[in-house]
Amino acid sequence: MELLFVALGGALLGITARYLLPGRHSHGSVLVPAVGTAVAAIAWVALTWLGWAWAEGWIWWVSLGLAAVASVAADLQLGRSRSRGDRRMLHTLMKTGHPGHA
């Protein structure tokens, strides 16, 4: 049950990152929340395998902290990468023209 809660927390952190950071127009609405969910769940499972108790606070802080960092990093990187790609494609189209251009 705790894995479900930590995954939900990761999703909420991903949603928060998506809507508070710039560049959300450049990627899908589920991508960053999915990153937060996956990182939180994977971190939780890895820490439980290492013997961390779910009743202690550290496993929650570390799992959700990693999810927050990964969500922010993914959102910022995706925004930069997609903007660069769009500019490159626009430059290519402007230089060579495209079939619909008169």
Protein backbone atom coordinates (compact mmCIF):
# COMPACT_ATOMS: atom_id res chain seq x y z
CA MET A 1 0.00 0.00 0.00
CA GLU A 2 2.87 2.38 0.75
CA LEU A 3 4.23 1.87 -2.77
CA LEU A 4 0.92 3.17 -4.11
CA PHE A 5 1.14 6.25 -1.89
CA VAL A 6 4.73 7.03 -2.85
CA ALA A 7 3.89 6.57 -6.56
CA LEU A 8 0.96 8.95 -6.18
CA GLY A 9 3.25 11.44 -4.45
CA GLY A 10 5.72 11.18 -7.33
CA ALA A 11 2.90 11.80 -9.82
CA LEU A 12 1.78 14.88 -7.91
CA LEU A 13 5.34 16.22 -7.84
CA GLY A 14 5.58 15.61 -11.59
CA ILE A 15 2.30 17.44 -12.22
CA THR A 16 3.53 20.32 -10.09
CA ALA A 17 6.80 20.50 -12.03
CA ARG A 18 4.93 20.41 -15.33
CA TYR A 19 2.70 23.36 -14.50
CA LEU A 20 5.16 25.51 -12.57
CA LEU A 21 8.10 25.32 -14.97
CA PRO A 22 8.30 26.93 -18.43
CA GLY A 23 8.19 24.93 -21.64
CA ARG A 24 5.17 22.74 -20.95
CA HIS A 25 3.93 23.44 -24.49
CA SER A 26 6.84 21.42 -25.87
CA HIS A 27 6.01 17.99 -24.41
CA GLY A 28 3.04 15.83 -23.57
CA SER A 29 0.94 16.37 -20.47
CA VAL A 30 1.67 12.94 -18.96
CA LEU A 31 5.41 12.64 -19.60
CA VAL A 32 6.80 14.57 -16.62
CA PRO A 33 4.27 13.14 -14.12
CA ALA A 34 5.14 9.66 -15.42
CA VAL A 35 8.83 10.37 -14.76
CA GLY A 36 8.01 11.45 -11.20
CA THR A 37 5.88 8.36 -10.63
CA ALA A 38 8.48 5.96 -11.99
CA VAL A 39 11.40 7.48 -10.10
CA ALA A 40 9.50 7.53 -6.80
CA ALA A 41 8.41 3.89 -7.19
CA ILE A 42 11.83 2.63 -8.29
CA ALA A 43 13.60 4.52 -5.49
CA TRP A 44 11.11 3.14 -2.94
CA VAL A 45 11.58 -0.45 -4.08
CA ALA A 46 15.38 -0.09 -4.18
CA LEU A 47 15.46 1.38 -0.67
CA THR A 48 13.20 -1.32 0.73
CA TRP A 49 15.51 -3.95 -0.80
CA LEU A 50 18.35 -2.20 1.00
CA GLY A 51 16.48 -2.68 4.26
CA TRP A 52 15.04 0.79 4.82
CA ALA A 53 11.85 0.59 6.87
CA TRP A 54 8.72 2.14 5.40
CA ALA A 55 7.62 3.37 8.82
CA GLU A 56 10.64 5.67 9.09
CA GLY A 57 10.61 9.09 7.44
CA TRP A 58 13.86 8.84 5.51
CA ILE A 59 12.57 6.46 2.87
CA TRP A 60 9.73 8.89 2.12
CA TRP A 61 11.99 11.94 1.96
CA VAL A 62 14.56 10.26 -0.28
CA SER A 63 12.01 8.66 -2.64
CA LEU A 64 9.94 11.80 -3.07
CA GLY A 65 13.04 14.02 -3.17
CA LEU A 66 14.48 11.99 -6.04
CA ALA A 67 11.11 12.13 -7.81
CA ALA A 68 11.02 15.92 -7.47
CA VAL A 69 14.58 16.35 -8.75
CA ALA A 70 13.97 13.97 -11.68
CA SER A 71 10.70 15.70 -12.60
CA VAL A 72 12.29 19.15 -12.63
CA ALA A 73 15.34 17.93 -14.55
CA ALA A 74 13.20 16.09 -17.12
CA ASP A 75 10.91 19.07 -17.64
CA LEU A 76 13.75 21.54 -18.09
CA GLN A 77 15.77 19.23 -20.34
CA LEU A 78 12.78 18.35 -22.52
CA GLY A 79 11.86 22.00 -22.92
CA ARG A 80 15.39 22.97 -23.97
CA SER A 81 15.83 19.98 -26.25
CA ARG A 82 12.51 20.40 -28.04
CA SER A 83 13.00 24.16 -28.48
CA ARG A 84 16.45 23.54 -29.98
CA GLY A 85 15.00 20.94 -32.32
CA ASP A 86 12.16 23.24 -33.37
CA ARG A 87 14.59 26.08 -34.11
CA ARG A 88 16.81 23.72 -36.09
CA MET A 89 13.85 22.45 -38.11
CA LEU A 90 12.59 25.99 -38.75
CA HIS A 91 16.06 27.04 -39.92
CA THR A 92 16.21 24.02 -42.24
CA LEU A 93 12.77 24.75 -43.67
CA MET A 94 13.55 28.44 -44.16
CA LYS A 95 16.83 27.64 -45.89
CA THR A 96 15.63 24.89 -48.21
CA GLY A 97 11.96 25.73 -48.47
CA HIS A 98 9.21 23.18 -48.24
CA PRO A 99 6.73 21.84 -50.79
CA GLY A 100 3.84 24.09 -49.67
CA HIS A 101 5.95 27.24 -49.79
CA ALA A 102 5.38 29.47 -52.84
